[in-house]
Amino acid sequence: MRGTFAPNNNTASKVLFCGRTPDLDLLFRYLAAGDCVGLYGERRCGKTLTLDIMADIINGDIEQMRRDLFDHDMVTQLDRWRTDLNEYRALLVSLQGMRSRIELARELVLLAKLKRIMPETAQLPNDDGALGWVLRWFQNHAAQTVVILVDEMETLEDFTDGGATAEHFCNCQAYGGVLFVHA
């Protein structure tokens, strides 16, 4: 991704988000084909905001601001993207400040419960296998394909078990029904 965009991720930034319709279209085509995606670019070029917009589109939350969106090209594509990704649900998680797989697993469970992907009664094991447990739960029990939008992937180097965590997130074949977008 190129270019600088807004300095924050609030609703105003989402409404003003523009010029990225071809990028979004390409990302959504990869996801619809069942592929995992890496999103990279210079600092402050809009990767986080793009992930946030993607989550809103996949989950249907973009509809709340649809008529205020500045980019009319994007607005014309929303219905097609929603149709193509109708059986998908997105979870946006930032690795910023996290240091272990168990923290990440807890955050994914919390987000999944908030998005009604996982029932409130689901209990996360409190051990090193927790992240694998969450991903397998999504694979075996989620009604839709779960797209995990992972921001700040470079902070994995701060994890006590960064290599093992990266393996979970880079092994798309191991968790059918779970897709990743890494930024």
C-alpha atoms as a PDB file:
ATOM      1  CA  MET A   1       0.000   0.000   0.000  1.00  0.00           C
ATOM      2  CA  ARG A   2       1.198   3.494  -0.761  1.00  0.00           C
ATOM      3  CA  GLY A   3       0.382   6.935   0.455  1.00  0.00           C
ATOM      4  CA  THR A   4      -0.410   8.570   3.741  1.00  0.00           C
ATOM      5  CA  PHE A   5      -3.929   8.622   5.059  1.00  0.00           C
ATOM      6  CA  ALA A   6      -5.724   9.905   8.148  1.00  0.00           C
ATOM      7  CA  PRO A   7      -3.857   9.841  11.463  1.00  0.00           C
ATOM      8  CA  ASN A   8      -6.531   7.920  13.365  1.00  0.00           C
ATOM      9  CA  ASN A   9      -9.128   5.197  12.985  1.00  0.00           C
ATOM     10  CA  ASN A  10     -12.288   6.955  14.110  1.00  0.00           C
ATOM     11  CA  THR A  11     -15.575   7.109  12.219  1.00  0.00           C
ATOM     12  CA  ALA A  12     -14.585  10.361  10.487  1.00  0.00           C
ATOM     13  CA  SER A  13     -11.524   8.645   9.030  1.00  0.00           C
ATOM     14  CA  LYS A  14     -13.667   5.756   7.825  1.00  0.00           C
ATOM     15  CA  VAL A  15     -16.112   8.122   6.146  1.00  0.00           C
ATOM     16  CA  LEU A  16     -13.230   9.918   4.396  1.00  0.00           C
ATOM     17  CA  PHE A  17     -11.446   6.681   3.433  1.00  0.00           C
ATOM     18  CA  CYS A  18     -11.007   6.825  -0.334  1.00  0.00           C
ATOM     19  CA  GLY A  19      -8.925   5.717  -3.276  1.00  0.00           C
ATOM     20  CA  ARG A  20      -8.517   2.163  -1.998  1.00  0.00           C
ATOM     21  CA  THR A  21     -11.428   0.455  -3.749  1.00  0.00           C
ATOM     22  CA  PRO A  22      -9.108  -1.521  -6.082  1.00  0.00           C
ATOM     23  CA  ASP A  23      -7.042  -2.625  -3.066  1.00  0.00           C
ATOM     24  CA  LEU A  24     -10.147  -3.706  -1.153  1.00  0.00           C
ATOM     25  CA  ASP A  25     -11.496  -5.495  -4.201  1.00  0.00           C
ATOM     26  CA  LEU A  26      -8.264  -7.454  -4.579  1.00  0.00           C
ATOM     27  CA  LEU A  27      -8.168  -8.324  -0.870  1.00  0.00           C
ATOM     28  CA  PHE A  28     -11.790  -9.471  -0.896  1.00  0.00           C
ATOM     29  CA  ARG A  29     -11.240 -11.570  -4.030  1.00  0.00           C
ATOM     30  CA  TYR A  30      -8.377 -13.374  -2.275  1.00  0.00           C
ATOM     31  CA  LEU A  31     -10.542 -14.011   0.779  1.00  0.00           C
ATOM     32  CA  ALA A  32     -13.499 -15.193  -1.319  1.00  0.00           C
ATOM     33  CA  ALA A  33     -11.120 -17.650  -2.984  1.00  0.00           C
ATOM     34  CA  GLY A  34     -10.124 -18.983   0.441  1.00  0.00           C
ATOM     35  CA  ASP A  35      -6.658 -17.419   0.481  1.00  0.00           C
ATOM     36  CA  CYS A  36      -4.825 -15.753   3.336  1.00  0.00           C
ATOM     37  CA  VAL A  37      -3.344 -12.338   2.630  1.00  0.00           C
ATOM     38  CA  GLY A  38      -0.427 -10.198   3.751  1.00  0.00           C
ATOM     39  CA  LEU A  39      -0.916  -6.441   3.735  1.00  0.00           C
ATOM     40  CA  TYR A  40       2.196  -4.355   3.989  1.00  0.00           C
ATOM     41  CA  GLY A  41       3.289  -0.787   3.458  1.00  0.00           C
ATOM     42  CA  GLU A  42       5.086   2.147   4.975  1.00  0.00           C
ATOM     43  CA  ARG A  43       4.200   3.410   8.429  1.00  0.00           C
ATOM     44  CA  ARG A  44       1.019   5.501   8.496  1.00  0.00           C
ATOM     45  CA  CYS A  45      -0.042   4.551   4.975  1.00  0.00           C
ATOM     46  CA  GLY A  46      -3.456   3.303   6.134  1.00  0.00           C
ATOM     47  CA  LYS A  47      -2.986  -0.425   6.834  1.00  0.00           C
ATOM     48  CA  THR A  48      -4.819  -0.347  10.170  1.00  0.00           C
ATOM     49  CA  LEU A  49      -7.665   1.734   8.788  1.00  0.00           C
ATOM     50  CA  THR A  50      -7.910  -0.623   5.792  1.00  0.00           C
ATOM     51  CA  LEU A  51      -8.222  -3.600   8.161  1.00  0.00           C
ATOM     52  CA  ASP A  52     -10.862  -1.741  10.155  1.00  0.00           C
ATOM     53  CA  ILE A  53     -12.839  -0.927   6.995  1.00  0.00           C
ATOM     54  CA  MET A  54     -12.520  -4.559   5.870  1.00  0.00           C
ATOM     55  CA  ALA A  55     -13.938  -5.766   9.191  1.00  0.00           C
ATOM     56  CA  ASP A  56     -16.826  -3.301   8.915  1.00  0.00           C
ATOM     57  CA  ILE A  57     -17.605  -4.438   5.364  1.00  0.00           C
ATOM     58  CA  ILE A  58     -17.385  -8.161   6.132  1.00  0.00           C
ATOM     59  CA  ASN A  59     -19.504  -7.840   9.275  1.00  0.00           C
ATOM     60  CA  GLY A  60     -22.020  -5.475   7.675  1.00  0.00           C
ATOM     61  CA  ASP A  61     -21.214  -2.654  10.098  1.00  0.00           C
ATOM     62  CA  ILE A  62     -20.362  -0.327   7.194  1.00  0.00           C
ATOM     63  CA  GLU A  63     -24.085   0.027   6.495  1.00  0.00           C
ATOM     64  CA  GLN A  64     -24.403   2.438   9.424  1.00  0.00           C
ATOM     65  CA  MET A  65     -22.219   4.966   7.610  1.00  0.00           C
ATOM     66  CA  ARG A  66     -22.904   3.998   3.999  1.00  0.00           C
ATOM     67  CA  ARG A  67     -24.641   7.180   2.908  1.00  0.00           C
ATOM     68  CA  ASP A  68     -21.894   9.333   4.472  1.00  0.00           C
ATOM     69  CA  LEU A  69     -18.985   7.540   2.760  1.00  0.00           C
ATOM     70  CA  PHE A  70     -16.879   9.863   0.644  1.00  0.00           C
ATOM     71  CA  ASP A  71     -15.663   7.249  -1.855  1.00  0.00           C
ATOM     72  CA  HIS A  72     -18.549   6.580  -4.237  1.00  0.00           C
ATOM     73  CA  ASP A  73     -16.548   3.871  -6.042  1.00  0.00           C
ATOM     74  CA  MET A  74     -16.364   1.949  -2.777  1.00  0.00           C
ATOM     75  CA  VAL A  75     -20.073   2.486  -2.110  1.00  0.00           C
ATOM     76  CA  THR A  76     -20.947   0.945  -5.493  1.00  0.00           C
ATOM     77  CA  GLN A  77     -18.941  -2.183  -4.591  1.00  0.00           C
ATOM     78  CA  LEU A  78     -20.332  -2.726  -1.082  1.00  0.00           C
ATOM     79  CA  ASP A  79     -23.307  -4.860  -2.114  1.00  0.00           C
ATOM     80  CA  ARG A  80     -21.148  -7.137  -4.276  1.00  0.00           C
ATOM     81  CA  TRP A  81     -18.548  -7.536  -1.533  1.00  0.00           C
ATOM     82  CA  ARG A  82     -21.212  -8.304   1.043  1.00  0.00           C
ATOM     83  CA  THR A  83     -22.733 -10.888  -1.309  1.00  0.00           C
ATOM     84  CA  ASP A  84     -19.348 -12.500  -2.001  1.00  0.00           C
ATOM     85  CA  LEU A  85     -18.492 -12.558   1.701  1.00  0.00           C
ATOM     86  CA  ASN A  86     -21.936 -13.253   3.106  1.00  0.00           C
ATOM     87  CA  GLU A  87     -20.766 -16.407   4.879  1.00  0.00           C
ATOM     88  CA  TYR A  88     -17.769 -14.684   6.478  1.00  0.00           C
ATOM     89  CA  ARG A  89     -17.305 -12.973   9.850  1.00  0.00           C
ATOM     90  CA  ALA A  90     -14.301 -10.806  10.710  1.00  0.00           C
ATOM     91  CA  LEU A  91     -12.337 -10.303  13.896  1.00  0.00           C
ATOM     92  CA  LEU A  92      -9.860  -7.416  13.996  1.00  0.00           C
ATOM     93  CA  VAL A  93      -7.101  -7.900  16.534  1.00  0.00           C
ATOM     94  CA  SER A  94      -4.013  -5.797  17.155  1.00  0.00           C
ATOM     95  CA  LEU A  95      -0.930  -7.491  18.539  1.00  0.00           C
ATOM     96  CA  GLN A  96       0.303  -4.155  19.901  1.00  0.00           C
ATOM     97  CA  GLY A  97       1.071  -4.593  23.590  1.00  0.00           C
ATOM     98  CA  MET A  98       0.556  -8.364  23.602  1.00  0.00           C
ATOM     99  CA  ARG A  99       3.359 -10.639  24.686  1.00  0.00           C
ATOM    100  CA  SER A 100       2.036 -14.206  24.510  1.00  0.00           C
ATOM    101  CA  ARG A 101      -0.244 -16.628  22.712  1.00  0.00           C
ATOM    102  CA  ILE A 102      -2.524 -16.896  25.726  1.00  0.00           C
ATOM    103  CA  GLU A 103      -3.144 -13.125  25.663  1.00  0.00           C
ATOM    104  CA  LEU A 104      -3.938 -13.353  21.976  1.00  0.00           C
ATOM    105  CA  ALA A 105      -6.213 -16.359  22.485  1.00  0.00           C
ATOM    106  CA  ARG A 106      -8.109 -14.492  25.216  1.00  0.00           C
ATOM    107  CA  GLU A 107      -8.573 -11.474  22.957  1.00  0.00           C
ATOM    108  CA  LEU A 108      -9.847 -13.630  20.080  1.00  0.00           C
ATOM    109  CA  VAL A 109     -12.339 -15.370  22.370  1.00  0.00           C
ATOM    110  CA  LEU A 110     -13.544 -12.028  23.720  1.00  0.00           C
ATOM    111  CA  LEU A 111     -13.991 -10.644  20.198  1.00  0.00           C
ATOM    112  CA  ALA A 112     -15.678 -13.847  18.995  1.00  0.00           C
ATOM    113  CA  LYS A 113     -18.162 -13.685  21.840  1.00  0.00           C
ATOM    114  CA  LEU A 114     -18.874  -9.995  21.158  1.00  0.00           C
ATOM    115  CA  LYS A 115     -19.493 -10.787  17.465  1.00  0.00           C
ATOM    116  CA  ARG A 116     -21.630 -13.812  18.428  1.00  0.00           C
ATOM    117  CA  ILE A 117     -19.324 -16.216  16.627  1.00  0.00           C
ATOM    118  CA  MET A 118     -18.649 -18.130  19.827  1.00  0.00           C
ATOM    119  CA  PRO A 119     -21.183 -18.740  22.626  1.00  0.00           C
ATOM    120  CA  GLU A 120     -20.725 -17.024  25.978  1.00  0.00           C
ATOM    121  CA  THR A 121     -20.383 -20.460  27.577  1.00  0.00           C
ATOM    122  CA  ALA A 122     -17.219 -21.372  25.645  1.00  0.00           C
ATOM    123  CA  GLN A 123     -14.302 -21.826  28.036  1.00  0.00           C
ATOM    124  CA  LEU A 124     -10.761 -21.171  26.871  1.00  0.00           C
ATOM    125  CA  PRO A 125      -8.124 -23.538  28.245  1.00  0.00           C
ATOM    126  CA  ASN A 126      -5.479 -21.655  30.203  1.00  0.00           C
ATOM    127  CA  ASP A 127      -2.366 -23.223  28.726  1.00  0.00           C
ATOM    128  CA  ASP A 128       0.045 -22.967  25.794  1.00  0.00           C
ATOM    129  CA  GLY A 129      -2.446 -24.750  23.536  1.00  0.00           C
ATOM    130  CA  ALA A 130      -5.094 -22.034  23.922  1.00  0.00           C
ATOM    131  CA  LEU A 131      -4.464 -20.310  20.573  1.00  0.00           C
ATOM    132  CA  GLY A 132      -4.650 -23.613  18.696  1.00  0.00           C
ATOM    133  CA  TRP A 133      -7.834 -24.426  20.621  1.00  0.00           C
ATOM    134  CA  VAL A 134      -9.449 -21.135  19.501  1.00  0.00           C
ATOM    135  CA  LEU A 135      -8.492 -21.641  15.864  1.00  0.00           C
ATOM    136  CA  ARG A 136      -9.726 -25.251  15.906  1.00  0.00           C
ATOM    137  CA  TRP A 137     -12.967 -24.081  17.551  1.00  0.00           C
ATOM    138  CA  PHE A 138     -13.494 -21.603  14.689  1.00  0.00           C
ATOM    139  CA  GLN A 139     -12.695 -24.346  12.191  1.00  0.00           C
ATOM    140  CA  ASN A 140     -15.060 -26.920  13.684  1.00  0.00           C
ATOM    141  CA  HIS A 141     -17.904 -24.900  15.204  1.00  0.00           C
ATOM    142  CA  ALA A 142     -18.236 -21.443  13.646  1.00  0.00           C
ATOM    143  CA  ALA A 143     -21.256 -21.095  11.373  1.00  0.00           C
ATOM    144  CA  GLN A 144     -19.296 -18.840   9.004  1.00  0.00           C
ATOM    145  CA  THR A 145     -15.739 -18.619   7.755  1.00  0.00           C
ATOM    146  CA  VAL A 146     -13.814 -16.561  10.297  1.00  0.00           C
ATOM    147  CA  VAL A 147     -11.440 -13.937   8.907  1.00  0.00           C
ATOM    148  CA  ILE A 148      -8.879 -12.839  11.470  1.00  0.00           C
ATOM    149  CA  LEU A 149      -7.483  -9.435  10.573  1.00  0.00           C
ATOM    150  CA  VAL A 150      -4.174  -9.195  12.436  1.00  0.00           C
ATOM    151  CA  ASP A 151      -2.612  -5.778  12.866  1.00  0.00           C
ATOM    152  CA  GLU A 152       0.931  -5.069  14.076  1.00  0.00           C
ATOM    153  CA  MET A 153       2.314  -8.461  13.034  1.00  0.00           C
ATOM    154  CA  GLU A 154       5.837  -7.102  13.467  1.00  0.00           C
ATOM    155  CA  THR A 155       5.303  -7.076  17.237  1.00  0.00           C
ATOM    156  CA  LEU A 156       5.459 -10.882  17.253  1.00  0.00           C
ATOM    157  CA  GLU A 157       9.156 -10.416  17.929  1.00  0.00           C
ATOM    158  CA  ASP A 158       8.120  -9.135  21.378  1.00  0.00           C
ATOM    159  CA  PHE A 159       6.180 -12.321  22.143  1.00  0.00           C
ATOM    160  CA  THR A 160       7.817 -14.826  24.451  1.00  0.00           C
ATOM    161  CA  ASP A 161       6.752 -17.449  21.907  1.00  0.00           C
ATOM    162  CA  GLY A 162       6.673 -15.367  18.722  1.00  0.00           C
ATOM    163  CA  GLY A 163       7.829 -18.134  16.399  1.00  0.00           C
ATOM    164  CA  ALA A 164       5.155 -20.553  17.567  1.00  0.00           C
ATOM    165  CA  THR A 165       2.487 -17.861  17.361  1.00  0.00           C
ATOM    166  CA  ALA A 166       3.566 -16.941  13.842  1.00  0.00           C
ATOM    167  CA  GLU A 167       3.313 -20.604  12.871  1.00  0.00           C
ATOM    168  CA  HIS A 168      -0.342 -20.659  13.906  1.00  0.00           C
ATOM    169  CA  PHE A 169      -1.068 -17.526  11.897  1.00  0.00           C
ATOM    170  CA  CYS A 170       0.880 -18.532   8.825  1.00  0.00           C
ATOM    171  CA  ASN A 171      -0.411 -22.082   8.537  1.00  0.00           C
ATOM    172  CA  CYS A 172      -3.668 -21.458   6.703  1.00  0.00           C
ATOM    173  CA  GLN A 173      -3.865 -25.106   5.688  1.00  0.00           C
ATOM    174  CA  ALA A 174      -4.100 -26.318   9.288  1.00  0.00           C
ATOM    175  CA  TYR A 175      -7.254 -24.360  10.077  1.00  0.00           C
ATOM    176  CA  GLY A 176      -9.799 -24.713   7.288  1.00  0.00           C
ATOM    177  CA  GLY A 177     -12.610 -22.238   7.711  1.00  0.00           C
ATOM    178  CA  VAL A 178     -10.246 -19.664   9.185  1.00  0.00           C
ATOM    179  CA  LEU A 179      -8.559 -17.058   6.998  1.00  0.00           C
ATOM    180  CA  PHE A 180      -5.968 -14.467   7.948  1.00  0.00           C
ATOM    181  CA  VAL A 181      -5.084 -11.002   6.766  1.00  0.00           C
ATOM    182  CA  HIS A 182      -1.745  -9.981   8.262  1.00  0.00           C
ATOM    183  CA  ALA A 183      -0.589  -6.363   8.384  1.00  0.00           C
END
